[in-house]
N, C-alpha and C. Protein backbone atom coordinates (compact mmCIF):
# COMPACT_ATOMS: atom_id res chain seq x y z
N UNK A 1 0.84 -1.16 0.09
CA UNK A 1 -0.02 -0.09 -0.08
C UNK A 1 0.93 1.33 0.00
N UNK A 2 0.58 2.12 -0.78
CA UNK A 2 1.47 3.42 -1.01
C UNK A 2 1.10 4.28 0.40
N UNK A 3 2.12 5.07 0.74
CA UNK A 3 1.99 5.81 1.80
C UNK A 3 0.85 6.95 1.46
N UNK A 4 0.70 7.24 0.32
CA UNK A 4 -0.42 8.29 0.09
C UNK A 4 -1.77 7.81 0.12
N UNK A 5 -1.97 6.49 0.62
CA UNK A 5 -3.61 6.09 0.77
C UNK A 5 -4.25 6.79 1.72
N UNK A 6 -5.50 6.68 1.65
CA UNK A 6 -6.41 7.54 2.79
C UNK A 6 -6.27 6.75 4.05
N UNK A 7 -6.47 7.46 5.29
CA UNK A 7 -6.56 7.04 6.63
C UNK A 7 -7.86 7.58 7.13
N UNK A 8 -8.61 6.64 7.78
CA UNK A 8 -9.75 6.88 8.57
C UNK A 8 -9.56 6.60 10.12
N UNK A 9 -9.53 7.51 10.96
CA UNK A 9 -9.48 7.32 12.27
C UNK A 9 -10.62 7.41 12.81
N UNK A 10 -11.32 6.21 13.60
CA UNK A 10 -12.76 6.29 14.05
C UNK A 10 -12.59 6.27 15.52
N UNK A 11 -13.39 7.11 16.16
CA UNK A 11 -13.47 6.72 17.79
C UNK A 11 -14.32 5.88 18.07
N UNK A 12 -14.21 4.97 18.87
CA UNK A 12 -15.42 3.89 19.23
C UNK A 12 -16.12 4.53 20.23
N UNK A 13 -15.82 5.60 20.84
CA UNK A 13 -16.83 6.26 21.87
C UNK A 13 -17.95 6.81 21.11
N UNK A 14 -17.73 7.42 19.86
CA UNK A 14 -18.77 8.22 19.13
C UNK A 14 -19.08 7.97 17.77
N UNK A 15 -18.38 6.82 17.27
CA UNK A 15 -18.48 6.64 15.84
C UNK A 15 -19.99 6.09 15.58
N UNK A 16 -20.29 6.20 14.24
CA UNK A 16 -21.67 6.03 13.92
C UNK A 16 -21.76 4.92 13.00
N UNK A 17 -22.73 4.12 12.88
CA UNK A 17 -22.68 2.99 11.93
C UNK A 17 -23.05 3.40 10.41
N UNK A 18 -21.98 4.24 9.86
CA UNK A 18 -22.07 4.98 8.78
C UNK A 18 -20.98 4.34 7.66
N UNK A 19 -21.24 3.50 6.74
CA UNK A 19 -20.18 2.98 6.01
C UNK A 19 -19.30 4.11 5.42
N UNK A 20 -19.90 5.36 4.91
CA UNK A 20 -19.17 6.45 4.30
C UNK A 20 -18.00 6.89 5.33
N UNK A 21 -17.88 6.54 6.57
CA UNK A 21 -16.77 6.81 7.54
C UNK A 21 -15.57 5.80 7.00
N UNK A 22 -15.83 4.83 6.35
CA UNK A 22 -14.55 3.95 5.93
C UNK A 22 -14.13 4.44 4.56
N UNK A 23 -12.68 4.12 4.40
CA UNK A 23 -12.11 4.53 3.20
C UNK A 23 -12.91 4.22 1.87
N UNK A 24 -12.92 4.99 0.83
CA UNK A 24 -13.38 4.43 -0.35
C UNK A 24 -12.34 4.13 -1.71
N UNK A 25 -11.06 4.32 -0.95
CA UNK A 25 -9.91 4.21 -1.85
C UNK A 25 -8.71 3.52 -0.96
N UNK A 26 -7.76 3.08 -1.64
CA UNK A 26 -6.66 2.47 -0.88
C UNK A 26 -6.47 3.19 0.45
N UNK A 27 -6.36 2.51 1.54
CA UNK A 27 -5.92 3.18 2.77
C UNK A 27 -5.94 2.08 3.85
N UNK A 28 -5.92 2.78 5.09
CA UNK A 28 -6.37 2.08 6.29
C UNK A 28 -7.20 2.66 7.14
N UNK A 29 -7.65 1.81 8.09
CA UNK A 29 -8.56 2.36 9.33
C UNK A 29 -7.83 2.08 10.67
N UNK A 30 -7.90 3.13 11.61
CA UNK A 30 -7.52 3.02 13.14
C UNK A 30 -8.90 3.16 13.86
N UNK A 31 -9.13 2.18 14.48
CA UNK A 31 -10.14 2.35 15.47
C UNK A 31 -9.59 2.47 16.90
N UNK A 32 -10.04 3.50 17.39
CA UNK A 32 -9.40 3.77 18.90
C UNK A 32 -10.32 4.11 19.76
N UNK A 33 -9.96 4.03 21.26
CA UNK A 33 -10.63 4.16 22.17
C UNK A 33 -11.95 3.04 22.33
N UNK A 34 -11.49 1.87 22.02
CA UNK A 34 -12.39 0.61 22.07
C UNK A 34 -12.69 0.33 23.73
N UNK A 35 -13.96 0.56 24.35
CA UNK A 35 -14.10 0.05 25.66
C UNK A 35 -15.51 -0.50 25.82
N UNK A 36 -15.85 -0.56 27.11
CA UNK A 36 -17.17 -0.79 27.45
C UNK A 36 -17.95 0.37 28.02
N UNK A 37 -19.18 0.50 27.74
CA UNK A 37 -19.86 -0.36 26.75
C UNK A 37 -19.65 -0.42 25.35
N UNK A 38 -19.66 -1.44 24.68
CA UNK A 38 -19.23 -1.65 23.23
C UNK A 38 -20.37 -1.02 22.48
N UNK A 39 -20.10 0.16 21.68
CA UNK A 39 -21.13 0.76 20.97
C UNK A 39 -21.50 -0.40 20.00
N UNK A 40 -22.89 -0.21 19.34
CA UNK A 40 -23.42 -1.10 18.44
C UNK A 40 -22.80 -0.90 17.15
N UNK A 41 -22.56 0.46 16.81
CA UNK A 41 -21.85 0.83 15.69
C UNK A 41 -20.44 0.05 15.42
N UNK A 42 -19.85 -0.16 16.22
CA UNK A 42 -18.49 -0.72 15.97
C UNK A 42 -18.46 -1.96 15.17
N UNK A 43 -19.14 -3.04 15.57
CA UNK A 43 -19.21 -4.25 14.70
C UNK A 43 -19.94 -4.07 13.45
N UNK A 44 -20.69 -2.86 13.28
CA UNK A 44 -21.07 -2.54 11.80
C UNK A 44 -20.14 -2.11 10.93
N UNK A 45 -19.37 -1.21 11.50
CA UNK A 45 -18.27 -0.43 10.83
C UNK A 45 -17.16 -1.54 10.60
N UNK A 46 -16.86 -2.43 11.40
CA UNK A 46 -15.90 -3.58 11.32
C UNK A 46 -16.39 -4.37 10.25
N UNK A 47 -17.59 -4.72 10.15
CA UNK A 47 -17.93 -5.70 9.21
C UNK A 47 -18.17 -4.95 7.75
N UNK A 48 -18.23 -3.60 7.81
CA UNK A 48 -18.26 -2.99 6.44
C UNK A 48 -16.67 -3.03 6.07
N UNK A 49 -15.74 -2.88 6.97
CA UNK A 49 -14.25 -2.93 6.41
C UNK A 49 -14.12 -4.38 5.91
N UNK A 50 -14.45 -5.32 6.57
CA UNK A 50 -14.49 -6.62 5.81
C UNK A 50 -15.03 -6.70 4.52
N UNK A 51 -15.94 -6.12 4.16
CA UNK A 51 -16.63 -6.13 2.92
C UNK A 51 -15.63 -5.42 1.96
N UNK A 52 -15.13 -4.28 2.55
CA UNK A 52 -14.10 -3.62 1.54
C UNK A 52 -12.78 -4.57 1.20
N UNK A 53 -12.39 -5.38 2.01
CA UNK A 53 -11.37 -6.22 1.97
C UNK A 53 -11.92 -7.32 0.75
N UNK A 54 -13.06 -8.02 1.24
CA UNK A 54 -13.60 -9.06 0.45
C UNK A 54 -13.78 -8.59 -1.07
N UNK A 55 -14.14 -7.27 -1.28
CA UNK A 55 -14.43 -6.65 -2.46
C UNK A 55 -13.27 -6.33 -3.22
N UNK A 56 -12.12 -6.42 -2.60
CA UNK A 56 -10.97 -6.21 -3.49
C UNK A 56 -10.28 -4.86 -3.23
N UNK A 57 -10.96 -4.07 -2.38
CA UNK A 57 -10.05 -2.75 -2.17
C UNK A 57 -8.82 -2.90 -1.30
N UNK A 58 -7.94 -2.22 -1.68
CA UNK A 58 -6.40 -2.13 -1.07
C UNK A 58 -6.68 -1.47 0.26
N UNK A 59 -7.16 -1.95 1.40
CA UNK A 59 -7.26 -1.30 2.37
C UNK A 59 -6.28 -2.08 3.60
N UNK A 60 -5.57 -1.27 4.34
CA UNK A 60 -4.65 -1.79 5.16
C UNK A 60 -5.12 -2.55 6.52
N UNK A 61 -4.38 -2.62 7.36
CA UNK A 61 -4.66 -3.27 8.52
C UNK A 61 -5.59 -2.61 9.63
N UNK A 62 -6.47 -3.08 9.94
CA UNK A 62 -7.42 -2.48 11.04
C UNK A 62 -6.56 -2.70 12.27
N UNK A 63 -6.23 -1.59 12.67
CA UNK A 63 -5.74 -1.28 14.09
C UNK A 63 -6.72 -0.85 15.05
N UNK A 64 -6.71 -1.60 16.18
CA UNK A 64 -7.77 -1.32 17.13
C UNK A 64 -6.74 -0.89 18.69
N UNK A 65 -7.21 0.28 19.29
CA UNK A 65 -6.54 0.62 20.14
C UNK A 65 -7.62 0.86 21.40
N UNK A 66 -7.29 0.23 22.66
CA UNK A 66 -8.31 0.45 23.53
C UNK A 66 -8.21 -0.48 24.80
N UNK A 67 -9.06 -0.37 25.55
CA UNK A 67 -8.93 -1.36 26.89
C UNK A 67 -9.03 -2.81 26.42
N UNK A 68 -8.30 -3.78 27.18
CA UNK A 68 -8.23 -5.20 26.90
C UNK A 68 -9.72 -5.72 26.95
N UNK A 69 -10.45 -5.20 27.84
CA UNK A 69 -11.83 -5.73 27.96
C UNK A 69 -12.67 -5.26 26.80
N UNK A 70 -12.70 -4.07 26.34
CA UNK A 70 -13.17 -3.52 25.23
C UNK A 70 -12.91 -4.30 23.90
N UNK A 71 -11.62 -4.55 23.74
CA UNK A 71 -11.20 -5.29 22.68
C UNK A 71 -11.65 -6.75 22.37
N UNK A 72 -11.60 -7.40 23.61
CA UNK A 72 -12.08 -8.79 23.91
C UNK A 72 -13.62 -8.72 23.41
N UNK A 73 -14.50 -7.79 23.99
CA UNK A 73 -15.76 -7.83 23.63
C UNK A 73 -16.04 -7.55 22.28
N UNK A 74 -15.17 -6.76 21.59
CA UNK A 74 -15.27 -6.63 20.07
C UNK A 74 -14.98 -7.90 19.39
N UNK A 75 -13.88 -8.47 19.84
CA UNK A 75 -13.55 -9.76 19.22
C UNK A 75 -14.66 -10.91 19.43
N UNK A 76 -15.46 -10.76 20.37
CA UNK A 76 -16.36 -11.74 20.70
C UNK A 76 -17.80 -11.48 20.09
N UNK A 77 -17.79 -10.37 19.41
CA UNK A 77 -19.20 -9.70 18.83
C UNK A 77 -19.62 -10.71 17.57
N UNK A 78 -21.00 -10.89 17.41
CA UNK A 78 -21.40 -11.69 16.21
C UNK A 78 -20.76 -10.97 15.11
N UNK A 79 -20.34 -12.11 14.27
CA UNK A 79 -19.91 -11.79 12.85
C UNK A 79 -18.56 -11.15 12.91
N UNK A 80 -17.76 -11.31 14.04
CA UNK A 80 -16.44 -10.67 14.14
C UNK A 80 -15.35 -11.74 14.19
N UNK A 81 -15.71 -12.78 13.49
CA UNK A 81 -14.75 -14.03 13.53
C UNK A 81 -13.45 -13.61 13.01
N UNK A 82 -13.28 -12.81 11.76
CA UNK A 82 -12.15 -12.52 11.26
C UNK A 82 -11.15 -11.68 12.03
N UNK A 83 -11.79 -11.11 13.13
CA UNK A 83 -11.07 -10.39 14.07
C UNK A 83 -10.53 -11.26 15.19
N UNK A 84 -11.03 -12.37 15.41
CA UNK A 84 -10.69 -13.18 16.54
C UNK A 84 -9.56 -13.99 16.01
N UNK A 85 -9.56 -14.30 14.59
CA UNK A 85 -8.36 -14.80 14.13
C UNK A 85 -6.91 -13.92 13.80
N UNK A 86 -7.35 -12.61 14.27
CA UNK A 86 -6.29 -11.87 13.98
C UNK A 86 -5.14 -11.85 15.08
N UNK A 87 -3.97 -11.63 14.74
CA UNK A 87 -2.64 -11.52 15.78
C UNK A 87 -2.98 -10.41 16.78
N UNK A 88 -2.77 -10.79 17.94
CA UNK A 88 -2.82 -9.55 19.00
C UNK A 88 -1.47 -9.17 19.56
N UNK A 89 -1.34 -7.98 19.38
CA UNK A 89 -0.03 -7.38 19.86
C UNK A 89 -0.41 -6.38 21.05
N UNK A 90 0.28 -6.80 22.19
CA UNK A 90 0.09 -5.96 23.33
C UNK A 90 1.16 -5.07 23.30
N UNK A 91 1.03 -3.88 23.01
CA UNK A 91 2.01 -2.65 22.93
C UNK A 91 1.99 -1.76 24.13
C-alpha cells in the first residue's frame, strides 16, 4: 500500500454505523478508544471494513487501540470472526 493512501481514524466512543466513514480508496483504518460499553456501531463498521477487503479494495490493517476488556468484547461480537483470528499485539 502506498503511503499516499487514505486514513480513517474512528473513535469507538462516538462513531456512527455509517459506511461512508470507511475509506473508499486504498488506505487503512484506525479504530481507537475501544472500551465498554461496546457501541453497536463498532461491529457494523468493522463488518463494513471486511466487505471492503472481500471486495478487493486495497485497505490496510485494521488497528484497534483500547482497553483489553473492550477489545475482547469486540472480538467476541457476532460476525467478528475474522478479528478473532487476527494476531494480538500488546504494545
